[in-house]
Amino acid sequence: MQSDANKPNDNTLNTGALIWGFLIGLVIGGVAALFRAPRSGNEMRQMLAESEQNLREKIEATVIPVDPVAESLAEGKAAARRRRSELGLDNNR
């Protein structure tokens, strides 16, 4: 009869088996993802780039405050410059 001190512990973790199981699961998951992908790699990259650009524009629109008066003034000045250029008027006074 074995004493409790000499009994092997059934609760020990087999690290090698854990690592191999993780690696095998990773490979199987990667292969499954390749077969179930709804788009090609180029299409997916393009879609991600577009969504990133849209998100960046939304964030900038919310974070960067816009002064409507200053914006209108700048647009008016640019329109006046274009019109003066169209009429051939010299910008020097």
PDB file of N, CA and C in Angstrom:
ATOM      1  N   MET A   1       0.831  -1.175   0.000  1.00  0.00           N
ATOM      2  CA  MET A   1       0.000   0.000   0.000  1.00  0.00           C
ATOM      3  C   MET A   1       0.882   1.247   0.000  1.00  0.00           C
ATOM      4  N   GLN A   2       0.528   2.218  -0.892  1.00  0.00           N
ATOM      5  CA  GLN A   2       1.310   3.437  -0.987  1.00  0.00           C
ATOM      6  C   GLN A   2       0.775   4.474  -0.012  1.00  0.00           C
ATOM      7  N   SER A   3       1.703   5.237   0.503  1.00  0.00           N
ATOM      8  CA  SER A   3       1.271   6.330   1.359  1.00  0.00           C
ATOM      9  C   SER A   3       0.892   7.511   0.479  1.00  0.00           C
ATOM     10  N   ASP A   4       0.150   8.458   1.048  1.00  0.00           N
ATOM     11  CA  ASP A   4      -0.301   9.631   0.290  1.00  0.00           C
ATOM     12  C   ASP A   4       0.866  10.470  -0.214  1.00  0.00           C
ATOM     13  N   ALA A   5       1.993  10.464   0.461  1.00  0.00           N
ATOM     14  CA  ALA A   5       3.141  11.258   0.056  1.00  0.00           C
ATOM     15  C   ALA A   5       3.771  10.710  -1.226  1.00  0.00           C
ATOM     16  N   ASN A   6       3.656   9.396  -1.471  1.00  0.00           N
ATOM     17  CA  ASN A   6       4.274   8.791  -2.647  1.00  0.00           C
ATOM     18  C   ASN A   6       3.334   8.705  -3.850  1.00  0.00           C
ATOM     19  N   LYS A   7       2.061   9.068  -3.685  1.00  0.00           N
ATOM     20  CA  LYS A   7       1.095   9.000  -4.773  1.00  0.00           C
ATOM     21  C   LYS A   7       1.366  10.110  -5.793  1.00  0.00           C
ATOM     22  N   PRO A   8       1.259   9.790  -7.086  1.00  0.00           N
ATOM     23  CA  PRO A   8       1.411  10.862  -8.076  1.00  0.00           C
ATOM     24  C   PRO A   8       0.205  11.792  -8.011  1.00  0.00           C
ATOM     25  N   ASN A   9       0.453  13.056  -8.210  1.00  0.00           N
ATOM     26  CA  ASN A   9      -0.613  14.055  -8.152  1.00  0.00           C
ATOM     27  C   ASN A   9      -1.327  14.087  -9.497  1.00  0.00           C
ATOM     28  N   ASP A  10      -2.614  13.779  -9.526  1.00  0.00           N
ATOM     29  CA  ASP A  10      -3.384  13.743 -10.760  1.00  0.00           C
ATOM     30  C   ASP A  10      -3.773  15.144 -11.231  1.00  0.00           C
ATOM     31  N   ASN A  11      -3.548  16.150 -10.421  1.00  0.00           N
ATOM     32  CA  ASN A  11      -3.942  17.516 -10.761  1.00  0.00           C
ATOM     33  C   ASN A  11      -2.812  18.313 -11.408  1.00  0.00           C
ATOM     34  N   THR A  12      -1.706  17.675 -11.741  1.00  0.00           N
ATOM     35  CA  THR A  12      -0.602  18.412 -12.347  1.00  0.00           C
ATOM     36  C   THR A  12      -0.927  18.743 -13.794  1.00  0.00           C
ATOM     37  N   LEU A  13      -0.389  19.834 -14.265  1.00  0.00           N
ATOM     38  CA  LEU A  13      -0.636  20.315 -15.617  1.00  0.00           C
ATOM     39  C   LEU A  13       0.489  19.851 -16.522  1.00  0.00           C
ATOM     40  N   ASN A  14       0.130  19.181 -17.595  1.00  0.00           N
ATOM     41  CA  ASN A  14       1.116  18.733 -18.560  1.00  0.00           C
ATOM     42  C   ASN A  14       1.335  19.882 -19.540  1.00  0.00           C
ATOM     43  N   THR A  15       2.398  20.642 -19.352  1.00  0.00           N
ATOM     44  CA  THR A  15       2.657  21.844 -20.136  1.00  0.00           C
ATOM     45  C   THR A  15       2.856  21.539 -21.607  1.00  0.00           C
ATOM     46  N   GLY A  16       3.554  20.475 -21.917  1.00  0.00           N
ATOM     47  CA  GLY A  16       3.785  20.107 -23.310  1.00  0.00           C
ATOM     48  C   GLY A  16       2.485  19.841 -24.052  1.00  0.00           C
ATOM     49  N   ALA A  17       1.587  19.104 -23.426  1.00  0.00           N
ATOM     50  CA  ALA A  17       0.303  18.799 -24.049  1.00  0.00           C
ATOM     51  C   ALA A  17      -0.522  20.071 -24.222  1.00  0.00           C
ATOM     52  N   LEU A  18      -0.443  20.973 -23.262  1.00  0.00           N
ATOM     53  CA  LEU A  18      -1.174  22.230 -23.340  1.00  0.00           C
ATOM     54  C   LEU A  18      -0.670  23.060 -24.524  1.00  0.00           C
ATOM     55  N   ILE A  19       0.629  23.172 -24.694  1.00  0.00           N
ATOM     56  CA  ILE A  19       1.206  23.956 -25.794  1.00  0.00           C
ATOM     57  C   ILE A  19       0.842  23.339 -27.139  1.00  0.00           C
ATOM     58  N   TRP A  20       0.982  21.998 -27.258  1.00  0.00           N
ATOM     59  CA  TRP A  20       0.631  21.331 -28.516  1.00  0.00           C
ATOM     60  C   TRP A  20      -0.848  21.500 -28.835  1.00  0.00           C
ATOM     61  N   GLY A  21      -1.700  21.400 -27.840  1.00  0.00           N
ATOM     62  CA  GLY A  21      -3.133  21.591 -28.050  1.00  0.00           C
ATOM     63  C   GLY A  21      -3.443  23.000 -28.527  1.00  0.00           C
ATOM     64  N   PHE A  22      -2.764  23.977 -27.936  1.00  0.00           N
ATOM     65  CA  PHE A  22      -2.947  25.364 -28.341  1.00  0.00           C
ATOM     66  C   PHE A  22      -2.492  25.565 -29.783  1.00  0.00           C
ATOM     67  N   LEU A  23      -1.339  25.045 -30.150  1.00  0.00           N
ATOM     68  CA  LEU A  23      -0.820  25.204 -31.510  1.00  0.00           C
ATOM     69  C   LEU A  23      -1.712  24.515 -32.544  1.00  0.00           C
ATOM     70  N   ILE A  24      -2.176  23.323 -32.236  1.00  0.00           N
ATOM     71  CA  ILE A  24      -3.059  22.603 -33.159  1.00  0.00           C
ATOM     72  C   ILE A  24      -4.372  23.359 -33.323  1.00  0.00           C
ATOM     73  N   GLY A  25      -4.913  23.871 -32.239  1.00  0.00           N
ATOM     74  CA  GLY A  25      -6.143  24.663 -32.310  1.00  0.00           C
ATOM     75  C   GLY A  25      -5.942  25.944 -33.112  1.00  0.00           C
ATOM     76  N   LEU A  26      -4.783  26.560 -32.977  1.00  0.00           N
ATOM     77  CA  LEU A  26      -4.468  27.767 -33.724  1.00  0.00           C
ATOM     78  C   LEU A  26      -4.412  27.485 -35.224  1.00  0.00           C
ATOM     79  N   VAL A  27      -3.779  26.383 -35.605  1.00  0.00           N
ATOM     80  CA  VAL A  27      -3.684  26.016 -37.021  1.00  0.00           C
ATOM     81  C   VAL A  27      -5.064  25.687 -37.585  1.00  0.00           C
ATOM     82  N   ILE A  28      -5.840  24.908 -36.866  1.00  0.00           N
ATOM     83  CA  ILE A  28      -7.179  24.540 -37.338  1.00  0.00           C
ATOM     84  C   ILE A  28      -8.060  25.782 -37.453  1.00  0.00           C
ATOM     85  N   GLY A  29      -7.979  26.674 -36.497  1.00  0.00           N
ATOM     86  CA  GLY A  29      -8.753  27.917 -36.556  1.00  0.00           C
ATOM     87  C   GLY A  29      -8.338  28.792 -37.724  1.00  0.00           C
ATOM     88  N   GLY A  30      -7.039  28.866 -38.000  1.00  0.00           N
ATOM     89  CA  GLY A  30      -6.558  29.657 -39.135  1.00  0.00           C
ATOM     90  C   GLY A  30      -7.034  29.099 -40.462  1.00  0.00           C
ATOM     91  N   VAL A  31      -6.983  27.799 -40.611  1.00  0.00           N
ATOM     92  CA  VAL A  31      -7.453  27.165 -41.853  1.00  0.00           C
ATOM     93  C   VAL A  31      -8.958  27.384 -42.014  1.00  0.00           C
ATOM     94  N   ALA A  32      -9.701  27.234 -40.949  1.00  0.00           N
ATOM     95  CA  ALA A  32     -11.154  27.446 -41.026  1.00  0.00           C
ATOM     96  C   ALA A  32     -11.463  28.897 -41.393  1.00  0.00           C
ATOM     97  N   ALA A  33     -10.707  29.842 -40.859  1.00  0.00           N
ATOM     98  CA  ALA A  33     -10.935  31.258 -41.169  1.00  0.00           C
ATOM     99  C   ALA A  33     -10.649  31.544 -42.637  1.00  0.00           C
ATOM    100  N   LEU A  34      -9.630  30.899 -43.195  1.00  0.00           N
ATOM    101  CA  LEU A  34      -9.316  31.103 -44.613  1.00  0.00           C
ATOM    102  C   LEU A  34     -10.448  30.609 -45.509  1.00  0.00           C
ATOM    103  N   PHE A  35     -11.048  29.494 -45.161  1.00  0.00           N
ATOM    104  CA  PHE A  35     -12.120  28.950 -45.991  1.00  0.00           C
ATOM    105  C   PHE A  35     -13.437  29.692 -45.812  1.00  0.00           C
ATOM    106  N   ARG A  36     -13.625  30.324 -44.666  1.00  0.00           N
ATOM    107  CA  ARG A  36     -14.889  30.999 -44.411  1.00  0.00           C
ATOM    108  C   ARG A  36     -14.820  32.503 -44.645  1.00  0.00           C
ATOM    109  N   ALA A  37     -13.691  33.020 -45.122  1.00  0.00           N
ATOM    110  CA  ALA A  37     -13.535  34.459 -45.344  1.00  0.00           C
ATOM    111  C   ALA A  37     -14.500  34.919 -46.444  1.00  0.00           C
ATOM    112  N   PRO A  38     -15.278  35.968 -46.182  1.00  0.00           N
ATOM    113  CA  PRO A  38     -16.264  36.411 -47.167  1.00  0.00           C
ATOM    114  C   PRO A  38     -15.655  37.200 -48.322  1.00  0.00           C
ATOM    115  N   ARG A  39     -14.432  37.701 -48.176  1.00  0.00           N
ATOM    116  CA  ARG A  39     -13.802  38.525 -49.207  1.00  0.00           C
ATOM    117  C   ARG A  39     -12.349  38.114 -49.390  1.00  0.00           C
ATOM    118  N   SER A  40     -11.784  38.540 -50.516  1.00  0.00           N
ATOM    119  CA  SER A  40     -10.364  38.282 -50.741  1.00  0.00           C
ATOM    120  C   SER A  40      -9.543  39.247 -49.881  1.00  0.00           C
ATOM    121  N   GLY A  41      -8.261  39.008 -49.811  1.00  0.00           N
ATOM    122  CA  GLY A  41      -7.387  39.862 -49.000  1.00  0.00           C
ATOM    123  C   GLY A  41      -7.372  41.302 -49.470  1.00  0.00           C
ATOM    124  N   ASN A  42      -7.303  41.522 -50.794  1.00  0.00           N
ATOM    125  CA  ASN A  42      -7.285  42.887 -51.324  1.00  0.00           C
ATOM    126  C   ASN A  42      -8.588  43.617 -51.021  1.00  0.00           C
ATOM    127  N   GLU A  43      -9.706  42.934 -51.200  1.00  0.00           N
ATOM    128  CA  GLU A  43     -11.000  43.556 -50.910  1.00  0.00           C
ATOM    129  C   GLU A  43     -11.111  43.910 -49.430  1.00  0.00           C
ATOM    130  N   MET A  44     -10.643  43.016 -48.585  1.00  0.00           N
ATOM    131  CA  MET A  44     -10.725  43.246 -47.138  1.00  0.00           C
ATOM    132  C   MET A  44      -9.844  44.433 -46.728  1.00  0.00           C
ATOM    133  N   ARG A  45      -8.631  44.515 -47.285  1.00  0.00           N
ATOM    134  CA  ARG A  45      -7.753  45.641 -46.958  1.00  0.00           C
ATOM    135  C   ARG A  45      -8.357  46.953 -47.423  1.00  0.00           C
ATOM    136  N   GLN A  46      -8.957  46.961 -48.618  1.00  0.00           N
ATOM    137  CA  GLN A  46      -9.581  48.171 -49.133  1.00  0.00           C
ATOM    138  C   GLN A  46     -10.766  48.584 -48.256  1.00  0.00           C
ATOM    139  N   MET A  47     -11.569  47.616 -47.865  1.00  0.00           N
ATOM    140  CA  MET A  47     -12.718  47.901 -47.006  1.00  0.00           C
ATOM    141  C   MET A  47     -12.261  48.463 -45.655  1.00  0.00           C
ATOM    142  N   LEU A  48     -11.205  47.884 -45.090  1.00  0.00           N
ATOM    143  CA  LEU A  48     -10.690  48.368 -43.810  1.00  0.00           C
ATOM    144  C   LEU A  48     -10.121  49.777 -43.944  1.00  0.00           C
ATOM    145  N   ALA A  49      -9.431  50.060 -45.048  1.00  0.00           N
ATOM    146  CA  ALA A  49      -8.875  51.396 -45.258  1.00  0.00           C
ATOM    147  C   ALA A  49      -9.988  52.434 -45.372  1.00  0.00           C
ATOM    148  N   GLU A  50     -11.051  52.092 -46.098  1.00  0.00           N
ATOM    149  CA  GLU A  50     -12.181  53.017 -46.236  1.00  0.00           C
ATOM    150  C   GLU A  50     -12.869  53.256 -44.902  1.00  0.00           C
ATOM    151  N   SER A  51     -13.072  52.194 -44.137  1.00  0.00           N
ATOM    152  CA  SER A  51     -13.743  52.374 -42.841  1.00  0.00           C
ATOM    153  C   SER A  51     -12.857  53.155 -41.878  1.00  0.00           C
ATOM    154  N   GLU A  52     -11.536  52.975 -41.982  1.00  0.00           N
ATOM    155  CA  GLU A  52     -10.626  53.748 -41.134  1.00  0.00           C
ATOM    156  C   GLU A  52     -10.702  55.228 -41.495  1.00  0.00           C
ATOM    157  N   GLN A  53     -10.735  55.534 -42.793  1.00  0.00           N
ATOM    158  CA  GLN A  53     -10.832  56.931 -43.238  1.00  0.00           C
ATOM    159  C   GLN A  53     -12.144  57.548 -42.767  1.00  0.00           C
ATOM    160  N   ASN A  54     -13.242  56.813 -42.895  1.00  0.00           N
ATOM    161  CA  ASN A  54     -14.539  57.325 -42.433  1.00  0.00           C
ATOM    162  C   ASN A  54     -14.528  57.581 -40.937  1.00  0.00           C
ATOM    163  N   LEU A  55     -13.947  56.650 -40.183  1.00  0.00           N
ATOM    164  CA  LEU A  55     -13.874  56.813 -38.734  1.00  0.00           C
ATOM    165  C   LEU A  55     -13.015  58.021 -38.371  1.00  0.00           C
ATOM    166  N   ARG A  56     -11.885  58.185 -39.072  1.00  0.00           N
ATOM    167  CA  ARG A  56     -10.996  59.326 -38.803  1.00  0.00           C
ATOM    168  C   ARG A  56     -11.736  60.640 -39.063  1.00  0.00           C
ATOM    169  N   GLU A  57     -12.502  60.710 -40.167  1.00  0.00           N
ATOM    170  CA  GLU A  57     -13.253  61.928 -40.472  1.00  0.00           C
ATOM    171  C   GLU A  57     -14.308  62.213 -39.409  1.00  0.00           C
ATOM    172  N   LYS A  58     -14.990  61.178 -38.935  1.00  0.00           N
ATOM    173  CA  LYS A  58     -16.001  61.367 -37.895  1.00  0.00           C
ATOM    174  C   LYS A  58     -15.374  61.869 -36.603  1.00  0.00           C
ATOM    175  N   ILE A  59     -14.219  61.298 -36.248  1.00  0.00           N
ATOM    176  CA  ILE A  59     -13.541  61.716 -35.016  1.00  0.00           C
ATOM    177  C   ILE A  59     -13.076  63.158 -35.143  1.00  0.00           C
ATOM    178  N   GLU A  60     -12.477  63.508 -36.286  1.00  0.00           N
ATOM    179  CA  GLU A  60     -12.011  64.880 -36.475  1.00  0.00           C
ATOM    180  C   GLU A  60     -13.171  65.859 -36.453  1.00  0.00           C
ATOM    181  N   ALA A  61     -14.313  65.460 -37.001  1.00  0.00           N
ATOM    182  CA  ALA A  61     -15.480  66.345 -37.006  1.00  0.00           C
ATOM    183  C   ALA A  61     -16.001  66.579 -35.596  1.00  0.00           C
ATOM    184  N   THR A  62     -15.863  65.595 -34.741  1.00  0.00           N
ATOM    185  CA  THR A  62     -16.365  65.753 -33.373  1.00  0.00           C
ATOM    186  C   THR A  62     -15.340  66.399 -32.462  1.00  0.00           C
ATOM    187  N   VAL A  63     -14.080  66.099 -32.662  1.00  0.00           N
ATOM    188  CA  VAL A  63     -13.042  66.579 -31.743  1.00  0.00           C
ATOM    189  C   VAL A  63     -12.597  67.988 -32.098  1.00  0.00           C
ATOM    190  N   ILE A  64     -12.398  68.273 -33.376  1.00  0.00           N
ATOM    191  CA  ILE A  64     -11.903  69.581 -33.782  1.00  0.00           C
ATOM    192  C   ILE A  64     -13.095  70.528 -33.905  1.00  0.00           C
ATOM    193  N   PRO A  65     -13.130  71.539 -33.044  1.00  0.00           N
ATOM    194  CA  PRO A  65     -14.252  72.474 -33.110  1.00  0.00           C
ATOM    195  C   PRO A  65     -14.168  73.328 -34.377  1.00  0.00           C
ATOM    196  N   VAL A  66     -15.322  73.581 -34.976  1.00  0.00           N
ATOM    197  CA  VAL A  66     -15.389  74.375 -36.196  1.00  0.00           C
ATOM    198  C   VAL A  66     -16.103  75.678 -35.871  1.00  0.00           C
ATOM    199  N   ASP A  67     -15.448  76.782 -36.235  1.00  0.00           N
ATOM    200  CA  ASP A  67     -16.053  78.100 -36.042  1.00  0.00           C
ATOM    201  C   ASP A  67     -16.749  78.474 -37.343  1.00  0.00           C
ATOM    202  N   PRO A  68     -18.090  78.461 -37.371  1.00  0.00           N
ATOM    203  CA  PRO A  68     -18.799  78.709 -38.625  1.00  0.00           C
ATOM    204  C   PRO A  68     -18.538  80.107 -39.189  1.00  0.00           C
ATOM    205  N   VAL A  69     -18.329  81.091 -38.338  1.00  0.00           N
ATOM    206  CA  VAL A  69     -18.091  82.450 -38.821  1.00  0.00           C
ATOM    207  C   VAL A  69     -16.730  82.521 -39.509  1.00  0.00           C
ATOM    208  N   ALA A  70     -15.705  81.957 -38.859  1.00  0.00           N
ATOM    209  CA  ALA A  70     -14.366  81.972 -39.442  1.00  0.00           C
ATOM    210  C   ALA A  70     -14.330  81.167 -40.735  1.00  0.00           C
ATOM    211  N   GLU A  71     -15.050  80.051 -40.752  1.00  0.00           N
ATOM    212  CA  GLU A  71     -15.097  79.224 -41.960  1.00  0.00           C
ATOM    213  C   GLU A  71     -15.773  79.977 -43.102  1.00  0.00           C
ATOM    214  N   SER A  72     -16.873  80.661 -42.842  1.00  0.00           N
ATOM    215  CA  SER A  72     -17.571  81.436 -43.869  1.00  0.00           C
ATOM    216  C   SER A  72     -16.701  82.592 -44.359  1.00  0.00           C
ATOM    217  N   LEU A  73     -16.003  83.222 -43.444  1.00  0.00           N
ATOM    218  CA  LEU A  73     -15.124  84.330 -43.806  1.00  0.00           C
ATOM    219  C   LEU A  73     -13.997  83.850 -44.726  1.00  0.00           C
ATOM    220  N   ALA A  74     -13.403  82.708 -44.401  1.00  0.00           N
ATOM    221  CA  ALA A  74     -12.331  82.152 -45.232  1.00  0.00           C
ATOM    222  C   ALA A  74     -12.857  81.769 -46.611  1.00  0.00           C
ATOM    223  N   GLU A  75     -14.052  81.188 -46.675  1.00  0.00           N
ATOM    224  CA  GLU A  75     -14.636  80.832 -47.965  1.00  0.00           C
ATOM    225  C   GLU A  75     -14.931  82.083 -48.790  1.00  0.00           C
ATOM    226  N   GLY A  76     -15.400  83.131 -48.142  1.00  0.00           N
ATOM    227  CA  GLY A  76     -15.681  84.390 -48.849  1.00  0.00           C
ATOM    228  C   GLY A  76     -14.416  85.013 -49.406  1.00  0.00           C
ATOM    229  N   LYS A  77     -13.344  85.013 -48.626  1.00  0.00           N
ATOM    230  CA  LYS A  77     -12.072  85.565 -49.089  1.00  0.00           C
ATOM    231  C   LYS A  77     -11.541  84.768 -50.276  1.00  0.00           C
ATOM    232  N   ALA A  78     -11.650  83.434 -50.203  1.00  0.00           N
ATOM    233  CA  ALA A  78     -11.172  82.597 -51.306  1.00  0.00           C
ATOM    234  C   ALA A  78     -11.991  82.857 -52.566  1.00  0.00           C
ATOM    235  N   ALA A  79     -13.294  83.037 -52.425  1.00  0.00           N
ATOM    236  CA  ALA A  79     -14.152  83.323 -53.579  1.00  0.00           C
ATOM    237  C   ALA A  79     -13.808  84.687 -54.174  1.00  0.00           C
ATOM    238  N   ALA A  80     -13.534  85.657 -53.321  1.00  0.00           N
ATOM    239  CA  ALA A  80     -13.171  86.988 -53.807  1.00  0.00           C
ATOM    240  C   ALA A  80     -11.848  86.934 -54.571  1.00  0.00           C
ATOM    241  N   ARG A  81     -10.874  86.179 -54.061  1.00  0.00           N
ATOM    242  CA  ARG A  81      -9.588  86.037 -54.757  1.00  0.00           C
ATOM    243  C   ARG A  81      -9.779  85.387 -56.126  1.00  0.00           C
ATOM    244  N   ARG A  82     -10.596  84.349 -56.170  1.00  0.00           N
ATOM    245  CA  ARG A  82     -10.853  83.674 -57.450  1.00  0.00           C
ATOM    246  C   ARG A  82     -11.504  84.636 -58.449  1.00  0.00           C
ATOM    247  N   ARG A  83     -12.468  85.411 -57.985  1.00  0.00           N
ATOM    248  CA  ARG A  83     -13.182  86.337 -58.868  1.00  0.00           C
ATOM    249  C   ARG A  83     -12.261  87.442 -59.375  1.00  0.00           C
ATOM    250  N   ARG A  84     -11.418  87.976 -58.488  1.00  0.00           N
ATOM    251  CA  ARG A  84     -10.456  89.005 -58.896  1.00  0.00           C
ATOM    252  C   ARG A  84      -9.504  88.440 -59.936  1.00  0.00           C
ATOM    253  N   SER A  85      -9.107  87.177 -59.737  1.00  0.00           N
ATOM    254  CA  SER A  85      -8.219  86.530 -60.693  1.00  0.00           C
ATOM    255  C   SER A  85      -8.914  86.331 -62.027  1.00  0.00           C
ATOM    256  N   GLU A  86     -10.183  85.957 -61.994  1.00  0.00           N
ATOM    257  CA  GLU A  86     -10.951  85.768 -63.227  1.00  0.00           C
ATOM    258  C   GLU A  86     -11.111  87.072 -64.006  1.00  0.00           C
ATOM    259  N   LEU A  87     -11.266  88.183 -63.263  1.00  0.00           N
ATOM    260  CA  LEU A  87     -11.447  89.474 -63.896  1.00  0.00           C
ATOM    261  C   LEU A  87     -10.135  90.098 -64.330  1.00  0.00           C
ATOM    262  N   GLY A  88      -9.018  89.497 -63.923  1.00  0.00           N
ATOM    263  CA  GLY A  88      -7.705  90.006 -64.296  1.00  0.00           C
ATOM    264  C   GLY A  88      -7.284  91.190 -63.482  1.00  0.00           C
ATOM    265  N   LEU A  89      -7.892  91.382 -62.337  1.00  0.00           N
ATOM    266  CA  LEU A  89      -7.501  92.493 -61.462  1.00  0.00           C
ATOM    267  C   LEU A  89      -6.249  92.124 -60.684  1.00  0.00           C
ATOM    268  N   ASP A  90      -5.389  93.102 -60.488  1.00  0.00           N
ATOM    269  CA  ASP A  90      -4.150  92.891 -59.761  1.00  0.00           C
ATOM    270  C   ASP A  90      -4.450  92.813 -58.273  1.00  0.00           C
ATOM    271  N   ASN A  91      -3.836  91.869 -57.569  1.00  0.00           N
ATOM    272  CA  ASN A  91      -4.055  91.736 -56.127  1.00  0.00           C
ATOM    273  C   ASN A  91      -3.326  92.803 -55.350  1.00  0.00           C
ATOM    274  N   ASN A  92      -2.351  93.472 -55.950  1.00  0.00           N
ATOM    275  CA  ASN A  92      -1.640  94.558 -55.252  1.00  0.00           C
ATOM    276  C   ASN A  92      -2.502  95.802 -55.271  1.00  0.00           C
ATOM    277  N   ARG A  93      -2.562  96.494 -54.164  1.00  0.00           N
ATOM    278  CA  ARG A  93      -3.411  97.684 -54.085  1.00  0.00           C
ATOM    279  C   ARG A  93      -2.631  98.916 -54.351  1.00  0.00           C
TER     280      ARG A  93
END
